[in-house]
Amino acid sequence: MTTRLSEMKGLEIFTESGKMIGVVQEFIINLETGTVVKILLEPMTRMSSEDLREFLAKKSINYSRVKNVSDAIIIDSK
């Protein structure tokens, strides 16, 4: 199944158990492979390396956790 990233932007993100995590704002894409690496819950701005690490730890979700995309995004409950 293929879904356009533009269709995913703005979707709500829930865990399998029903907890709302946030709303899709942006994506990080591996340009070499063309795959989505992370979903960002807030827009990314210029920041230091240390701030970027903290931002990614708190405000992003690894795309590998995505289980389903339809009217919302469902991720595993890890």
PDB file of N, CA and C in Angstrom:
ATOM      1  N   MET A   1       0.826  -1.173   0.000  1.00  0.00           N
ATOM      2  CA  MET A   1       0.000   0.000   0.000  1.00  0.00           C
ATOM      3  C   MET A   1       0.877   1.247   0.000  1.00  0.00           C
ATOM      4  N   THR A   2       0.469   2.245  -0.757  1.00  0.00           N
ATOM      5  CA  THR A   2       1.213   3.490  -0.855  1.00  0.00           C
ATOM      6  C   THR A   2       0.342   4.640  -0.380  1.00  0.00           C
ATOM      7  N   THR A   3       0.912   5.511   0.425  1.00  0.00           N
ATOM      8  CA  THR A   3       0.216   6.703   0.898  1.00  0.00           C
ATOM      9  C   THR A   3       1.115   7.904   0.676  1.00  0.00           C
ATOM     10  N   ARG A   4       0.573   8.959   0.135  1.00  0.00           N
ATOM     11  CA  ARG A   4       1.347  10.188  -0.067  1.00  0.00           C
ATOM     12  C   ARG A   4       1.587  10.873   1.280  1.00  0.00           C
ATOM     13  N   LEU A   5       2.793  11.413   1.454  1.00  0.00           N
ATOM     14  CA  LEU A   5       3.106  12.120   2.694  1.00  0.00           C
ATOM     15  C   LEU A   5       2.186  13.320   2.868  1.00  0.00           C
ATOM     16  N   SER A   6       1.827  13.969   1.774  1.00  0.00           N
ATOM     17  CA  SER A   6       0.942  15.134   1.866  1.00  0.00           C
ATOM     18  C   SER A   6      -0.418  14.749   2.444  1.00  0.00           C
ATOM     19  N   GLU A   7      -0.844  13.507   2.245  1.00  0.00           N
ATOM     20  CA  GLU A   7      -2.113  13.040   2.799  1.00  0.00           C
ATOM     21  C   GLU A   7      -1.986  12.701   4.289  1.00  0.00           C
ATOM     22  N   MET A   8      -0.758  12.444   4.740  1.00  0.00           N
ATOM     23  CA  MET A   8      -0.533  12.092   6.140  1.00  0.00           C
ATOM     24  C   MET A   8      -0.348  13.323   7.032  1.00  0.00           C
ATOM     25  N   LYS A   9       0.101  14.430   6.437  1.00  0.00           N
ATOM     26  CA  LYS A   9       0.344  15.630   7.234  1.00  0.00           C
ATOM     27  C   LYS A   9      -0.978  16.095   7.845  1.00  0.00           C
ATOM     28  N   GLY A  10      -0.960  16.349   9.143  1.00  0.00           N
ATOM     29  CA  GLY A  10      -2.152  16.791   9.862  1.00  0.00           C
ATOM     30  C   GLY A  10      -2.957  15.662  10.488  1.00  0.00           C
ATOM     31  N   LEU A  11      -2.606  14.400  10.172  1.00  0.00           N
ATOM     32  CA  LEU A  11      -3.324  13.274  10.782  1.00  0.00           C
ATOM     33  C   LEU A  11      -2.956  13.138  12.260  1.00  0.00           C
ATOM     34  N   GLU A  12      -3.919  12.716  13.058  1.00  0.00           N
ATOM     35  CA  GLU A  12      -3.655  12.437  14.459  1.00  0.00           C
ATOM     36  C   GLU A  12      -2.948  11.091  14.572  1.00  0.00           C
ATOM     37  N   ILE A  13      -2.105  10.958  15.594  1.00  0.00           N
ATOM     38  CA  ILE A  13      -1.343   9.736  15.832  1.00  0.00           C
ATOM     39  C   ILE A  13      -1.798   9.148  17.157  1.00  0.00           C
ATOM     40  N   PHE A  14      -2.170   7.852  17.122  1.00  0.00           N
ATOM     41  CA  PHE A  14      -2.625   7.133  18.308  1.00  0.00           C
ATOM     42  C   PHE A  14      -1.813   5.860  18.483  1.00  0.00           C
ATOM     43  N   THR A  15      -1.646   5.421  19.742  1.00  0.00           N
ATOM     44  CA  THR A  15      -1.063   4.106  19.994  1.00  0.00           C
ATOM     45  C   THR A  15      -2.133   3.054  19.737  1.00  0.00           C
ATOM     46  N   GLU A  16      -1.723   1.803  19.664  1.00  0.00           N
ATOM     47  CA  GLU A  16      -2.673   0.699  19.488  1.00  0.00           C
ATOM     48  C   GLU A  16      -3.682   0.646  20.635  1.00  0.00           C
ATOM     49  N   SER A  17      -3.280   1.119  21.799  1.00  0.00           N
ATOM     50  CA  SER A  17      -4.175   1.099  22.957  1.00  0.00           C
ATOM     51  C   SER A  17      -5.091   2.321  23.016  1.00  0.00           C
ATOM     52  N   GLY A  18      -4.972   3.238  22.049  1.00  0.00           N
ATOM     53  CA  GLY A  18      -5.888   4.369  21.963  1.00  0.00           C
ATOM     54  C   GLY A  18      -5.394   5.683  22.524  1.00  0.00           C
ATOM     55  N   LYS A  19      -4.159   5.750  23.001  1.00  0.00           N
ATOM     56  CA  LYS A  19      -3.623   7.001  23.547  1.00  0.00           C
ATOM     57  C   LYS A  19      -3.220   7.926  22.401  1.00  0.00           C
ATOM     58  N   MET A  20      -3.708   9.178  22.442  1.00  0.00           N
ATOM     59  CA  MET A  20      -3.314  10.136  21.411  1.00  0.00           C
ATOM     60  C   MET A  20      -1.910  10.650  21.696  1.00  0.00           C
ATOM     61  N   ILE A  21      -1.061  10.609  20.669  1.00  0.00           N
ATOM     62  CA  ILE A  21       0.322  11.034  20.801  1.00  0.00           C
ATOM     63  C   ILE A  21       0.517  12.454  20.287  1.00  0.00           C
ATOM     64  N   GLY A  22      -0.144  12.805  19.206  1.00  0.00           N
ATOM     65  CA  GLY A  22       0.011  14.136  18.622  1.00  0.00           C
ATOM     66  C   GLY A  22      -0.507  14.164  17.201  1.00  0.00           C
ATOM     67  N   VAL A  23      -0.068  15.177  16.456  1.00  0.00           N
ATOM     68  CA  VAL A  23      -0.495  15.387  15.078  1.00  0.00           C
ATOM     69  C   VAL A  23       0.744  15.497  14.197  1.00  0.00           C
ATOM     70  N   VAL A  24       0.707  14.875  13.024  1.00  0.00           N
ATOM     71  CA  VAL A  24       1.834  14.907  12.082  1.00  0.00           C
ATOM     72  C   VAL A  24       2.062  16.334  11.601  1.00  0.00           C
ATOM     73  N   GLN A  25       3.286  16.832  11.784  1.00  0.00           N
ATOM     74  CA  GLN A  25       3.671  18.158  11.306  1.00  0.00           C
ATOM     75  C   GLN A  25       4.619  18.066  10.110  1.00  0.00           C
ATOM     76  N   GLU A  26       5.657  17.225  10.238  1.00  0.00           N
ATOM     77  CA  GLU A  26       6.681  17.095   9.202  1.00  0.00           C
ATOM     78  C   GLU A  26       7.246  15.686   9.234  1.00  0.00           C
ATOM     79  N   PHE A  27       8.128  15.394   8.274  1.00  0.00           N
ATOM     80  CA  PHE A  27       8.771  14.090   8.174  1.00  0.00           C
ATOM     81  C   PHE A  27      10.267  14.279   8.003  1.00  0.00           C
ATOM     82  N   ILE A  28      11.024  13.282   8.437  1.00  0.00           N
ATOM     83  CA  ILE A  28      12.438  13.193   8.089  1.00  0.00           C
ATOM     84  C   ILE A  28      12.556  12.010   7.147  1.00  0.00           C
ATOM     85  N   ILE A  29      13.169  12.261   5.990  1.00  0.00           N
ATOM     86  CA  ILE A  29      13.262  11.252   4.937  1.00  0.00           C
ATOM     87  C   ILE A  29      14.726  10.964   4.645  1.00  0.00           C
ATOM     88  N   ASN A  30      15.057   9.687   4.465  1.00  0.00           N
ATOM     89  CA  ASN A  30      16.384   9.280   4.012  1.00  0.00           C
ATOM     90  C   ASN A  30      16.391   9.438   2.501  1.00  0.00           C
ATOM     91  N   LEU A  31      17.107  10.429   1.994  1.00  0.00           N
ATOM     92  CA  LEU A  31      17.094  10.713   0.559  1.00  0.00           C
ATOM     93  C   LEU A  31      17.780   9.637  -0.272  1.00  0.00           C
ATOM     94  N   GLU A  32      18.689   8.901   0.334  1.00  0.00           N
ATOM     95  CA  GLU A  32      19.370   7.827  -0.410  1.00  0.00           C
ATOM     96  C   GLU A  32      18.441   6.662  -0.693  1.00  0.00           C
ATOM     97  N   THR A  33      17.587   6.325   0.280  1.00  0.00           N
ATOM     98  CA  THR A  33      16.692   5.179   0.110  1.00  0.00           C
ATOM     99  C   THR A  33      15.261   5.590  -0.237  1.00  0.00           C
ATOM    100  N   GLY A  34      14.933   6.867  -0.019  1.00  0.00           N
ATOM    101  CA  GLY A  34      13.587   7.341  -0.281  1.00  0.00           C
ATOM    102  C   GLY A  34      12.576   6.902   0.765  1.00  0.00           C
ATOM    103  N   THR A  35      13.049   6.531   1.942  1.00  0.00           N
ATOM    104  CA  THR A  35      12.141   6.051   2.985  1.00  0.00           C
ATOM    105  C   THR A  35      11.953   7.100   4.081  1.00  0.00           C
ATOM    106  N   VAL A  36      10.787   7.062   4.707  1.00  0.00           N
ATOM    107  CA  VAL A  36      10.509   7.938   5.841  1.00  0.00           C
ATOM    108  C   VAL A  36      11.194   7.352   7.065  1.00  0.00           C
ATOM    109  N   VAL A  37      11.917   8.187   7.787  1.00  0.00           N
ATOM    110  CA  VAL A  37      12.638   7.743   8.978  1.00  0.00           C
ATOM    111  C   VAL A  37      11.881   8.132  10.241  1.00  0.00           C
ATOM    112  N   LYS A  38      11.391   9.360  10.291  1.00  0.00           N
ATOM    113  CA  LYS A  38      10.714   9.860  11.487  1.00  0.00           C
ATOM    114  C   LYS A  38       9.516  10.717  11.108  1.00  0.00           C
ATOM    115  N   ILE A  39       8.527  10.724  12.001  1.00  0.00           N
ATOM    116  CA  ILE A  39       7.403  11.644  11.933  1.00  0.00           C
ATOM    117  C   ILE A  39       7.636  12.683  13.025  1.00  0.00           C
ATOM    118  N   LEU A  40       7.542  13.955  12.659  1.00  0.00           N
ATOM    119  CA  LEU A  40       7.748  15.026  13.633  1.00  0.00           C
ATOM    120  C   LEU A  40       6.410  15.543  14.132  1.00  0.00           C
ATOM    121  N   LEU A  41       6.329  15.754  15.449  1.00  0.00           N
ATOM    122  CA  LEU A  41       5.115  16.245  16.076  1.00  0.00           C
ATOM    123  C   LEU A  41       5.084  17.765  16.170  1.00  0.00           C
ATOM    124  N   GLU A  42       6.207  18.401  15.868  1.00  0.00           N
ATOM    125  CA  GLU A  42       6.315  19.863  15.815  1.00  0.00           C
ATOM    126  C   GLU A  42       7.219  20.204  14.634  1.00  0.00           C
ATOM    127  N   PRO A  43       7.027  21.371  14.024  1.00  0.00           N
ATOM    128  CA  PRO A  43       7.929  21.772  12.944  1.00  0.00           C
ATOM    129  C   PRO A  43       9.361  21.899  13.472  1.00  0.00           C
ATOM    130  N   MET A  44      10.326  21.514  12.657  1.00  0.00           N
ATOM    131  CA  MET A  44      11.723  21.591  13.060  1.00  0.00           C
ATOM    132  C   MET A  44      12.304  22.935  12.631  1.00  0.00           C
ATOM    133  N   THR A  45      13.036  23.564  13.515  1.00  0.00           N
ATOM    134  CA  THR A  45      13.694  24.833  13.233  1.00  0.00           C
ATOM    135  C   THR A  45      15.200  24.639  13.363  1.00  0.00           C
ATOM    136  N   ARG A  46      15.944  25.667  13.043  1.00  0.00           N
ATOM    137  CA  ARG A  46      17.404  25.585  13.235  1.00  0.00           C
ATOM    138  C   ARG A  46      17.692  25.476  14.720  1.00  0.00           C
ATOM    139  N   MET A  47      18.600  24.556  15.058  1.00  0.00           N
ATOM    140  CA  MET A  47      18.975  24.376  16.462  1.00  0.00           C
ATOM    141  C   MET A  47      20.337  23.717  16.542  1.00  0.00           C
ATOM    142  N   SER A  48      20.934  23.776  17.713  1.00  0.00           N
ATOM    143  CA  SER A  48      22.244  23.160  17.923  1.00  0.00           C
ATOM    144  C   SER A  48      22.105  21.639  17.884  1.00  0.00           C
ATOM    145  N   SER A  49      23.218  20.950  17.755  1.00  0.00           N
ATOM    146  CA  SER A  49      23.208  19.489  17.728  1.00  0.00           C
ATOM    147  C   SER A  49      22.588  18.909  18.985  1.00  0.00           C
ATOM    148  N   GLU A  50      22.925  19.491  20.124  1.00  0.00           N
ATOM    149  CA  GLU A  50      22.386  19.005  21.398  1.00  0.00           C
ATOM    150  C   GLU A  50      20.879  19.225  21.456  1.00  0.00           C
ATOM    151  N   ASP A  51      20.419  20.402  21.049  1.00  0.00           N
ATOM    152  CA  ASP A  51      18.976  20.689  21.036  1.00  0.00           C
ATOM    153  C   ASP A  51      18.258  19.792  20.038  1.00  0.00           C
ATOM    154  N   LEU A  52      18.901  19.498  18.902  1.00  0.00           N
ATOM    155  CA  LEU A  52      18.299  18.629  17.900  1.00  0.00           C
ATOM    156  C   LEU A  52      18.101  17.224  18.450  1.00  0.00           C
ATOM    157  N   ARG A  53      19.093  16.696  19.164  1.00  0.00           N
ATOM    158  CA  ARG A  53      18.957  15.364  19.765  1.00  0.00           C
ATOM    159  C   ARG A  53      17.780  15.326  20.738  1.00  0.00           C
ATOM    160  N   GLU A  54      17.677  16.356  21.562  1.00  0.00           N
ATOM    161  CA  GLU A  54      16.591  16.423  22.540  1.00  0.00           C
ATOM    162  C   GLU A  54      15.235  16.555  21.821  1.00  0.00           C
ATOM    163  N   PHE A  55      15.180  17.392  20.799  1.00  0.00           N
ATOM    164  CA  PHE A  55      13.950  17.570  20.023  1.00  0.00           C
ATOM    165  C   PHE A  55      13.503  16.249  19.414  1.00  0.00           C
ATOM    166  N   LEU A  56      14.424  15.531  18.775  1.00  0.00           N
ATOM    167  CA  LEU A  56      14.070  14.262  18.133  1.00  0.00           C
ATOM    168  C   LEU A  56      13.643  13.212  19.153  1.00  0.00           C
ATOM    169  N   ALA A  57      14.246  13.232  20.321  1.00  0.00           N
ATOM    170  CA  ALA A  57      13.869  12.266  21.368  1.00  0.00           C
ATOM    171  C   ALA A  57      12.465  12.538  21.905  1.00  0.00           C
ATOM    172  N   LYS A  58      12.092  13.813  21.998  1.00  0.00           N
ATOM    173  CA  LYS A  58      10.812  14.165  22.617  1.00  0.00           C
ATOM    174  C   LYS A  58       9.699  14.459  21.626  1.00  0.00           C
ATOM    175  N   LYS A  59      10.031  14.876  20.422  1.00  0.00           N
ATOM    176  CA  LYS A  59       9.020  15.387  19.497  1.00  0.00           C
ATOM    177  C   LYS A  59       8.972  14.634  18.177  1.00  0.00           C
ATOM    178  N   SER A  60       9.436  13.389  18.173  1.00  0.00           N
ATOM    179  CA  SER A  60       9.377  12.603  16.934  1.00  0.00           C
ATOM    180  C   SER A  60       9.078  11.147  17.247  1.00  0.00           C
ATOM    181  N   ILE A  61       8.627  10.450  16.220  1.00  0.00           N
ATOM    182  CA  ILE A  61       8.309   9.031  16.333  1.00  0.00           C
ATOM    183  C   ILE A  61       9.012   8.316  15.186  1.00  0.00           C
ATOM    184  N   ASN A  62       9.695   7.218  15.493  1.00  0.00           N
ATOM    185  CA  ASN A  62      10.310   6.423  14.433  1.00  0.00           C
ATOM    186  C   ASN A  62       9.218   5.856  13.532  1.00  0.00           C
ATOM    187  N   TYR A  63       9.374   6.022  12.237  1.00  0.00           N
ATOM    188  CA  TYR A  63       8.348   5.563  11.305  1.00  0.00           C
ATOM    189  C   TYR A  63       8.181   4.046  11.360  1.00  0.00           C
ATOM    190  N   SER A  64       9.198   3.339  11.804  1.00  0.00           N
ATOM    191  CA  SER A  64       9.109   1.878  11.902  1.00  0.00           C
ATOM    192  C   SER A  64       8.020   1.442  12.893  1.00  0.00           C
ATOM    193  N   ARG A  65       7.566   2.354  13.749  1.00  0.00           N
ATOM    194  CA  ARG A  65       6.508   2.039  14.725  1.00  0.00           C
ATOM    195  C   ARG A  65       5.107   2.095  14.117  1.00  0.00           C
ATOM    196  N   VAL A  66       4.977   2.655  12.904  1.00  0.00           N
ATOM    197  CA  VAL A  66       3.665   2.805  12.277  1.00  0.00           C
ATOM    198  C   VAL A  66       3.107   1.433  11.903  1.00  0.00           C
ATOM    199  N   LYS A  67       1.878   1.182  12.351  1.00  0.00           N
ATOM    200  CA  LYS A  67       1.188  -0.074  12.068  1.00  0.00           C
ATOM    201  C   LYS A  67       0.107   0.102  11.010  1.00  0.00           C
ATOM    202  N   ASN A  68      -0.533   1.291  10.972  1.00  0.00           N
ATOM    203  CA  ASN A  68      -1.633   1.508  10.047  1.00  0.00           C
ATOM    204  C   ASN A  68      -1.782   3.000   9.787  1.00  0.00           C
ATOM    205  N   VAL A  69      -2.143   3.334   8.536  1.00  0.00           N
ATOM    206  CA  VAL A  69      -2.446   4.710   8.162  1.00  0.00           C
ATOM    207  C   VAL A  69      -3.788   4.710   7.457  1.00  0.00           C
ATOM    208  N   SER A  70      -4.739   5.456   8.019  1.00  0.00           N
ATOM    209  CA  SER A  70      -6.046   5.615   7.344  1.00  0.00           C
ATOM    210  C   SER A  70      -6.538   7.020   7.708  1.00  0.00           C
ATOM    211  N   ASP A  71      -7.596   7.138   8.480  1.00  0.00           N
ATOM    212  CA  ASP A  71      -8.066   8.447   8.929  1.00  0.00           C
ATOM    213  C   ASP A  71      -7.198   8.975  10.068  1.00  0.00           C
ATOM    214  N   ALA A  72      -6.376   8.113  10.626  1.00  0.00           N
ATOM    215  CA  ALA A  72      -5.405   8.452  11.672  1.00  0.00           C
ATOM    216  C   ALA A  72      -4.220   7.504  11.488  1.00  0.00           C
ATOM    217  N   ILE A  73      -3.149   7.769  12.204  1.00  0.00           N
ATOM    218  CA  ILE A  73      -1.975   6.897  12.172  1.00  0.00           C
ATOM    219  C   ILE A  73      -1.948   6.127  13.474  1.00  0.00           C
ATOM    220  N   ILE A  74      -1.808   4.813  13.367  1.00  0.00           N
ATOM    221  CA  ILE A  74      -1.727   3.938  14.538  1.00  0.00           C
ATOM    222  C   ILE A  74      -0.288   3.448  14.654  1.00  0.00           C
ATOM    223  N   ILE A  75       0.288   3.617  15.856  1.00  0.00           N
ATOM    224  CA  ILE A  75       1.653   3.127  16.093  1.00  0.00           C
ATOM    225  C   ILE A  75       1.620   2.078  17.190  1.00  0.00           C
ATOM    226  N   ASP A  76       2.705   1.282  17.266  1.00  0.00           N
ATOM    227  CA  ASP A  76       2.762   0.283  18.330  1.00  0.00           C
ATOM    228  C   ASP A  76       2.821   0.984  19.685  1.00  0.00           C
ATOM    229  N   SER A  77       2.475   0.267  20.719  1.00  0.00           N
ATOM    230  CA  SER A  77       2.360   0.856  22.056  1.00  0.00           C
ATOM    231  C   SER A  77       3.643   0.773  22.872  1.00  0.00           C
ATOM    232  N   LYS A  78       4.780   0.516  22.249  1.00  0.00           N
ATOM    233  CA  LYS A  78       6.059   0.384  22.974  1.00  0.00           C
ATOM    234  C   LYS A  78       6.226   1.435  24.027  1.00  0.00           C
TER     235      LYS A  78
END
